[in-house]
C-alpha atoms as a PDB file:
ATOM      1  CA  MET A   1     -16.059  21.335  22.700  1.00  0.00           C
ATOM      2  CA  LEU A   2     -18.489  18.919  22.589  1.00  0.00           C
ATOM      3  CA  ILE A   3     -17.499  15.734  24.576  1.00  0.00           C
ATOM      4  CA  MET A   4     -19.660  13.441  24.961  1.00  0.00           C
ATOM      5  CA  ARG A   5     -20.175   9.790  26.661  1.00  0.00           C
ATOM      6  CA  ALA A   6     -17.164  10.230  29.265  1.00  0.00           C
ATOM      7  CA  ARG A   7     -16.326   8.429  31.976  1.00  0.00           C
ATOM      8  CA  LEU A   8     -14.404   9.712  34.572  1.00  0.00           C
ATOM      9  CA  MET A   9     -10.816   8.289  34.789  1.00  0.00           C
ATOM     10  CA  VAL A  10      -8.797  10.441  36.821  1.00  0.00           C
ATOM     11  CA  CYS A  11      -9.493  13.639  38.783  1.00  0.00           C
ATOM     12  CA  SER A  12      -7.285  15.428  40.271  1.00  0.00           C
ATOM     13  CA  GLY A  13      -6.555  19.050  41.667  1.00  0.00           C
ATOM     14  CA  LEU A  14     -10.697  19.151  41.901  1.00  0.00           C
ATOM     15  CA  ILE A  15     -11.120  23.006  43.624  1.00  0.00           C
ATOM     16  CA  ALA A  16     -13.963  23.241  46.390  1.00  0.00           C
ATOM     17  CA  LEU A  17     -16.136  26.573  45.889  1.00  0.00           C
ATOM     18  CA  CYS A  18     -17.335  28.101  48.878  1.00  0.00           C
ATOM     19  CA  CYS A  19     -19.414  31.144  49.931  1.00  0.00           C
ATOM     20  CA  GLY A  20     -18.357  33.252  52.059  1.00  0.00           C
ATOM     21  CA  MET A  21     -21.509  34.920  54.746  1.00  0.00           C
ATOM     22  CA  GLY A  22     -21.093  38.547  55.992  1.00  0.00           C
ATOM     23  CA  GLY A  23     -23.058  40.616  57.909  1.00  0.00           C
ATOM     24  CA  ALA A  24     -22.042  40.419  62.153  1.00  0.00           C
ATOM     25  CA  LEU A  25     -24.498  41.599  65.031  1.00  0.00           C
ATOM     26  CA  ALA A  26     -23.450  44.394  67.057  1.00  0.00           C
ATOM     27  CA  GLN A  27     -23.712  43.182  70.878  1.00  0.00           C
ATOM     28  CA  GLN A  28     -26.258  46.572  71.737  1.00  0.00           C
ATOM     29  CA  GLN A  29     -27.909  47.656  67.943  1.00  0.00           C
ATOM     30  CA  PRO A  30     -27.514  45.808  64.543  1.00  0.00           C
ATOM     31  CA  ALA A  31     -25.308  47.289  62.427  1.00  0.00           C
ATOM     32  CA  PRO A  32     -26.338  47.579  58.695  1.00  0.00           C
ATOM     33  CA  ALA A  33     -25.941  44.598  57.186  1.00  0.00           C
ATOM     34  CA  ALA A  34     -22.635  43.613  54.985  1.00  0.00           C
ATOM     35  CA  ALA A  35     -22.796  43.146  51.241  1.00  0.00           C
ATOM     36  CA  PRO A  36     -22.469  39.728  50.375  1.00  0.00           C
ATOM     37  CA  ALA A  37     -19.894  38.975  48.623  1.00  0.00           C
ATOM     38  CA  PRO A  38     -18.829  38.513  45.227  1.00  0.00           C
ATOM     39  CA  ALA A  39     -19.765  34.923  43.543  1.00  0.00           C
ATOM     40  CA  GLN A  40     -16.688  32.950  42.803  1.00  0.00           C
ATOM     41  CA  SER A  41     -16.379  32.321  39.082  1.00  0.00           C
ATOM     42  CA  PRO A  42     -15.959  28.429  38.561  1.00  0.00           C
ATOM     43  CA  ALA A  43     -13.174  26.684  38.169  1.00  0.00           C
ATOM     44  CA  THR A  44     -11.934  26.789  34.783  1.00  0.00           C
ATOM     45  CA  LEU A  45     -11.984  22.912  33.282  1.00  0.00           C
ATOM     46  CA  ALA A  46      -8.398  21.789  31.843  1.00  0.00           C
ATOM     47  CA  VAL A  47      -8.949  18.070  30.167  1.00  0.00           C
ATOM     48  CA  MET A  48      -6.746  15.744  29.537  1.00  0.00           C
ATOM     49  CA  VAL A  49      -7.288  12.358  27.135  1.00  0.00           C
ATOM     50  CA  VAL A  50      -5.027   9.244  26.978  1.00  0.00           C
ATOM     51  CA  ASP A  51      -5.478   6.374  24.830  1.00  0.00           C
ATOM     52  CA  VAL A  52      -4.692   3.265  27.215  1.00  0.00           C
ATOM     53  CA  GLN A  53      -5.095   0.317  24.834  1.00  0.00           C
ATOM     54  CA  ALA A  54      -2.537   2.299  22.896  1.00  0.00           C
ATOM     55  CA  LEU A  55      -0.319   2.340  25.607  1.00  0.00           C
ATOM     56  CA  LEU A  56      -0.140  -1.233  26.309  1.00  0.00           C
ATOM     57  CA  GLN A  57       0.231  -2.316  23.141  1.00  0.00           C
ATOM     58  CA  ASN A  58       3.006   0.327  21.586  1.00  0.00           C
ATOM     59  CA  SER A  59       4.845   0.202  24.919  1.00  0.00           C
ATOM     60  CA  LYS A  60       8.254  -1.470  24.950  1.00  0.00           C
ATOM     61  CA  ALA A  61       7.211  -3.068  28.167  1.00  0.00           C
ATOM     62  CA  ALA A  62       4.105  -4.029  26.953  1.00  0.00           C
ATOM     63  CA  LYS A  63       5.503  -5.619  23.863  1.00  0.00           C
ATOM     64  CA  MET A  64       8.129  -7.476  26.122  1.00  0.00           C
ATOM     65  CA  VAL A  65       5.045  -8.727  27.638  1.00  0.00           C
ATOM     66  CA  ARG A  66       3.807 -10.243  24.936  1.00  0.00           C
ATOM     67  CA  GLU A  67       7.318 -12.275  23.621  1.00  0.00           C
ATOM     68  CA  GLN A  68       7.368 -13.440  26.483  1.00  0.00           C
ATOM     69  CA  ILE A  69       3.850 -14.760  26.973  1.00  0.00           C
ATOM     70  CA  GLU A  70       4.201 -16.301  23.393  1.00  0.00           C
ATOM     71  CA  ALA A  71       7.135 -17.794  24.222  1.00  0.00           C
ATOM     72  CA  LYS A  72       5.851 -19.366  26.952  1.00  0.00           C
ATOM     73  CA  ARG A  73       2.251 -20.384  25.423  1.00  0.00           C
ATOM     74  CA  ALA A  74       4.245 -22.099  22.286  1.00  0.00           C
ATOM     75  CA  GLU A  75       6.311 -24.178  25.287  1.00  0.00           C
ATOM     76  CA  TYR A  76       3.561 -25.376  26.833  1.00  0.00           C
ATOM     77  CA  ALA A  77       2.245 -25.982  23.819  1.00  0.00           C
ATOM     78  CA  LYS A  78       4.691 -28.288  22.660  1.00  0.00           C
ATOM     79  CA  GLU A  79       4.566 -30.260  25.919  1.00  0.00           C
ATOM     80  CA  ILE A  80       0.471 -30.642  25.382  1.00  0.00           C
ATOM     81  CA  SER A  81       1.169 -32.033  22.126  1.00  0.00           C
ATOM     82  CA  HIS A  82       3.578 -34.512  23.256  1.00  0.00           C
ATOM     83  CA  GLN A  83       1.351 -35.716  25.796  1.00  0.00           C
ATOM     84  CA  GLU A  84      -1.622 -35.873  23.509  1.00  0.00           C
ATOM     85  CA  GLU A  85       0.793 -37.884  21.347  1.00  0.00           C
ATOM     86  CA  LEU A  86       1.622 -40.701  23.917  1.00  0.00           C
ATOM     87  CA  LEU A  87      -2.328 -40.920  25.123  1.00  0.00           C
ATOM     88  CA  ARG A  88      -3.053 -41.889  20.577  1.00  0.00           C
ATOM     89  CA  GLN A  89      -0.477 -44.263  21.242  1.00  0.00           C
ATOM     90  CA  GLU A  90      -1.874 -45.664  24.015  1.00  0.00           C
ATOM     91  CA  ARG A  91      -5.267 -45.804  23.300  1.00  0.00           C
ATOM     92  CA  ASP A  92      -4.388 -47.675  19.787  1.00  0.00           C
ATOM     93  CA  ALA A  93      -2.693 -50.506  21.549  1.00  0.00           C
ATOM     94  CA  LEU A  94      -5.542 -50.486  23.599  1.00  0.00           C
ATOM     95  CA  GLN A  95      -7.668 -51.574  20.857  1.00  0.00           C
ATOM     96  CA  LYS A  96      -5.540 -53.533  19.342  1.00  0.00           C
ATOM     97  CA  GLN A  97      -5.499 -55.927  22.959  1.00  0.00           C
ATOM     98  CA  GLN A  98      -9.333 -55.425  22.289  1.00  0.00           C
ATOM     99  CA  GLY A  99     -10.011 -59.718  21.626  1.00  0.00           C
ATOM    100  CA  GLN A 100      -6.673 -60.825  23.702  1.00  0.00           C
ATOM    101  CA  LEU A 101      -8.154 -59.480  27.161  1.00  0.00           C
ATOM    102  CA  SER A 102     -11.254 -60.320  29.453  1.00  0.00           C
ATOM    103  CA  GLY A 103     -14.343 -57.652  30.034  1.00  0.00           C
ATOM    104  CA  GLU A 104     -12.833 -56.853  33.580  1.00  0.00           C
ATOM    105  CA  GLN A 105      -9.738 -56.393  31.846  1.00  0.00           C
ATOM    106  CA  LEU A 106     -10.382 -54.144  29.250  1.00  0.00           C
ATOM    107  CA  ASN A 107     -12.698 -52.540  31.746  1.00  0.00           C
ATOM    108  CA  ALA A 108      -9.941 -51.665  34.237  1.00  0.00           C
ATOM    109  CA  LYS A 109      -7.332 -50.708  31.450  1.00  0.00           C
ATOM    110  CA  GLY A 110     -10.494 -48.073  29.596  1.00  0.00           C
ATOM    111  CA  ARG A 111     -10.500 -46.336  33.714  1.00  0.00           C
ATOM    112  CA  GLU A 112      -6.685 -45.596  33.848  1.00  0.00           C
ATOM    113  CA  PHE A 113      -6.684 -44.367  29.846  1.00  0.00           C
ATOM    114  CA  GLN A 114      -9.683 -42.359  30.948  1.00  0.00           C
ATOM    115  CA  ALA A 115      -7.859 -40.702  34.132  1.00  0.00           C
ATOM    116  CA  LYS A 116      -5.086 -40.026  31.814  1.00  0.00           C
ATOM    117  CA  VAL A 117      -6.756 -38.018  29.672  1.00  0.00           C
ATOM    118  CA  ASN A 118      -8.798 -36.356  32.743  1.00  0.00           C
ATOM    119  CA  GLU A 119      -4.668 -35.544  33.936  1.00  0.00           C
ATOM    120  CA  LEU A 120      -3.937 -33.991  30.784  1.00  0.00           C
ATOM    121  CA  ASP A 121      -7.432 -31.562  30.572  1.00  0.00           C
ATOM    122  CA  ARG A 122      -6.932 -30.499  34.032  1.00  0.00           C
ATOM    123  CA  ASP A 123      -3.081 -29.824  33.117  1.00  0.00           C
ATOM    124  CA  VAL A 124      -4.322 -27.913  30.069  1.00  0.00           C
ATOM    125  CA  GLN A 125      -6.421 -25.543  32.464  1.00  0.00           C
ATOM    126  CA  ALA A 126      -3.750 -24.752  34.682  1.00  0.00           C
ATOM    127  CA  LYS A 127      -0.922 -23.919  31.966  1.00  0.00           C
ATOM    128  CA  ARG A 128      -3.844 -21.490  30.269  1.00  0.00           C
ATOM    129  CA  GLN A 129      -4.778 -19.723  34.238  1.00  0.00           C
ATOM    130  CA  ALA A 130      -1.351 -19.402  34.809  1.00  0.00           C
ATOM    131  CA  LEU A 131      -0.420 -17.891  31.491  1.00  0.00           C
ATOM    132  CA  GLU A 132      -3.511 -14.999  31.794  1.00  0.00           C
ATOM    133  CA  ARG A 133      -2.522 -15.037  35.347  1.00  0.00           C
ATOM    134  CA  SER A 134       1.136 -14.091  34.841  1.00  0.00           C
ATOM    135  CA  ASN A 135      -0.154 -11.915  31.543  1.00  0.00           C
ATOM    136  CA  ALA A 136      -2.527  -9.532  34.281  1.00  0.00           C
ATOM    137  CA  ASP A 137       0.334  -9.227  36.922  1.00  0.00           C
ATOM    138  CA  ALA A 138       2.561  -7.722  34.316  1.00  0.00           C
ATOM    139  CA  LEU A 139       0.746  -5.274  32.952  1.00  0.00           C
ATOM    140  CA  GLN A 140      -0.407  -4.402  36.221  1.00  0.00           C
ATOM    141  CA  LYS A 141       2.505  -3.032  36.476  1.00  0.00           C
ATOM    142  CA  ILE A 142       2.503  -1.454  33.372  1.00  0.00           C
ATOM    143  CA  GLN A 143      -0.606   0.274  34.459  1.00  0.00           C
ATOM    144  CA  GLU A 144       0.724   1.170  37.924  1.00  0.00           C
ATOM    145  CA  VAL A 145       3.552   3.525  36.400  1.00  0.00           C
ATOM    146  CA  MET A 146       1.224   4.840  33.046  1.00  0.00           C
ATOM    147  CA  VAL A 147      -0.722   6.241  36.047  1.00  0.00           C
ATOM    148  CA  LYS A 148       1.748   7.662  37.926  1.00  0.00           C
ATOM    149  CA  ILE A 149       2.440   9.242  34.560  1.00  0.00           C
ATOM    150  CA  ILE A 150      -0.687  10.830  33.894  1.00  0.00           C
ATOM    151  CA  THR A 151      -1.156  12.068  37.154  1.00  0.00           C
ATOM    152  CA  ASP A 152       2.188  14.186  36.841  1.00  0.00           C
ATOM    153  CA  ILE A 153       1.244  15.474  33.666  1.00  0.00           C
ATOM    154  CA  ALA A 154      -2.169  16.208  35.118  1.00  0.00           C
ATOM    155  CA  LYS A 155      -0.332  18.190  37.392  1.00  0.00           C
ATOM    156  CA  GLU A 156       2.011  19.838  35.420  1.00  0.00           C
ATOM    157  CA  ARG A 157      -1.017  21.118  32.915  1.00  0.00           C
ATOM    158  CA  LYS A 158      -3.295  21.925  35.559  1.00  0.00           C
ATOM    159  CA  ALA A 159      -5.830  19.421  34.263  1.00  0.00           C
ATOM    160  CA  ASN A 160      -8.721  18.401  36.586  1.00  0.00           C
ATOM    161  CA  LEU A 161     -10.556  15.870  34.574  1.00  0.00           C
ATOM    162  CA  VAL A 162      -8.610  13.026  32.788  1.00  0.00           C
ATOM    163  CA  PHE A 163     -10.971  10.780  30.215  1.00  0.00           C
ATOM    164  CA  GLN A 164      -9.574   7.660  28.800  1.00  0.00           C
ATOM    165  CA  ARG A 165     -10.085   7.357  24.720  1.00  0.00           C
ATOM    166  CA  SER A 166     -11.908   5.138  23.841  1.00  0.00           C
ATOM    167  CA  GLU A 167     -15.212   6.795  25.684  1.00  0.00           C
ATOM    168  CA  LEU A 168     -14.932   9.478  23.904  1.00  0.00           C
ATOM    169  CA  VAL A 169     -16.478  10.540  20.702  1.00  0.00           C
ATOM    170  CA  LEU A 170     -15.491  13.911  19.999  1.00  0.00           C
ATOM    171  CA  PHE A 171     -12.747  15.593  21.388  1.00  0.00           C
ATOM    172  CA  ASP A 172     -10.349  18.179  20.524  1.00  0.00           C
ATOM    173  CA  GLN A 173      -6.775  16.145  19.444  1.00  0.00           C
ATOM    174  CA  GLY A 174      -4.892  18.704  21.674  1.00  0.00           C
ATOM    175  CA  PHE A 175      -6.182  17.379  24.756  1.00  0.00           C
ATOM    176  CA  ASP A 176      -4.379  13.868  23.640  1.00  0.00           C
ATOM    177  CA  VAL A 177      -1.653  13.198  25.860  1.00  0.00           C
ATOM    178  CA  THR A 178      -0.658   9.594  24.913  1.00  0.00           C
ATOM    179  CA  ASP A 179       2.165  10.211  23.315  1.00  0.00           C
ATOM    180  CA  GLN A 180       3.776  12.156  25.545  1.00  0.00           C
ATOM    181  CA  VAL A 181       2.909   9.663  28.341  1.00  0.00           C
ATOM    182  CA  LEU A 182       4.262   6.599  25.925  1.00  0.00           C
ATOM    183  CA  THR A 183       7.940   8.657  25.425  1.00  0.00           C
ATOM    184  CA  LYS A 184       7.842   8.928  29.777  1.00  0.00           C
ATOM    185  CA  LEU A 185       6.673   5.374  30.271  1.00  0.00           C
ATOM    186  CA  ASP A 186       9.391   3.766  27.786  1.00  0.00           C
ATOM    187  CA  GLU A 187      11.581   6.136  29.631  1.00  0.00           C
ATOM    188  CA  GLN A 188      10.674   4.957  32.791  1.00  0.00           C
ATOM    189  CA  MET A 189      10.214   1.122  31.890  1.00  0.00           C
ATOM    190  CA  PRO A 190      12.231  -0.008  28.824  1.00  0.00           C
ATOM    191  CA  THR A 191      12.027  -3.587  29.969  1.00  0.00           C
ATOM    192  CA  LEU A 192      10.276  -5.834  32.011  1.00  0.00           C
ATOM    193  CA  THR A 193      10.137  -9.221  33.014  1.00  0.00           C
ATOM    194  CA  VAL A 194       7.321 -11.467  32.909  1.00  0.00           C
ATOM    195  CA  ASN A 195       7.615 -13.361  36.703  1.00  0.00           C
ATOM    196  CA  PHE A 196       5.855 -16.209  35.253  1.00  0.00           C
ATOM    197  CA  VAL A 197       2.906 -18.553  37.837  1.00  0.00           C
ATOM    198  CA  GLN A 198       3.522 -21.781  38.247  1.00  0.00           C
ATOM    199  CA  PRO A 199       0.538 -23.548  36.592  1.00  0.00           C
ATOM    200  CA  VAL A 200      -0.683 -25.906  39.461  1.00  0.00           C
ATOM    201  CA  ALA A 201      -3.353 -28.426  38.178  1.00  0.00           C
ATOM    202  CA  ALA A 202      -6.645 -29.134  40.160  1.00  0.00           C
ATOM    203  CA  ALA A 203      -6.428 -32.645  42.355  1.00  0.00           C
ATOM    204  CA  ALA A 204      -8.386 -35.172  40.696  1.00  0.00           C
ATOM    205  CA  PRO A 205     -11.730 -35.734  42.035  1.00  0.00           C
ATOM    206  CA  GLN A 206     -11.986 -38.236  44.860  1.00  0.00           C
ATOM    207  CA  ALA A 207     -13.863 -41.392  44.027  1.00  0.00           C
ATOM    208  CA  ALA A 208     -17.377 -42.487  45.964  1.00  0.00           C
ATOM    209  CA  ALA A 209     -16.011 -45.344  48.922  1.00  0.00           C
ATOM    210  CA  PRO A 210     -18.023 -48.533  48.644  1.00  0.00           C
ATOM    211  CA  ALA A 211     -20.723 -48.097  51.703  1.00  0.00           C
ATOM    212  CA  ALA A 212     -19.748 -50.643  54.265  1.00  0.00           C
ATOM    213  CA  GLN A 213     -22.202 -53.620  54.250  1.00  0.00           C
ATOM    214  CA  LYS A 214     -24.117 -54.499  56.908  1.00  0.00           C
ATOM    215  CA  PRO A 215     -23.665 -57.585  58.589  1.00  0.00           C
ATOM    216  CA  LYS A 216     -26.733 -60.193  57.911  1.00  0.00           C
ATOM    217  CA  LYS A 217     -28.893 -61.819  60.682  1.00  0.00           C
ATOM    218  CA  ARG A 218     -28.736 -64.783  61.609  1.00  0.00           C
END
């Protein structure tokens, strides 16, 4: 079968080929050269194909991870929406006070308002990064179990090459063991609870301290 543009993912059971060298020298007179050892035939190529993306989409554990991530995402979105509404109300109130405040007071309140906007931006970014990290950690756990299952199946089938489905153009469907891996993955990891990382917003940049004034010379 023609296998094109294949990238090696897992390789186990590789057999090193060695050639024997014969011919021993006698101490007094040379003996006839030993016949060369017959060449060993190459190891039989046994191939497996796995659709990793399908496993990360269809396994029970992966589906549970998606549900938990989406629930947390909705929770964060609700919190952020509430904070945005409070900022809109504060902005509207500040606009109504423009005619009642001095320029200095208006500038001070404007700086306070902008600081709150910047803080919300940092909070949004921290929540997004925490979700990405939590999702990646959970998927890593699934992948660790998945690789172990693939390794065990490769040993059973005496496969020495395992390819990822997305890297192949043509292959014999008999090489595909995705369904077998999925069954074992669901048996070994039917559930998975996401360990959510707590979002930590970056600290606000410190304002530059005013330069100290030099004493005037008399």
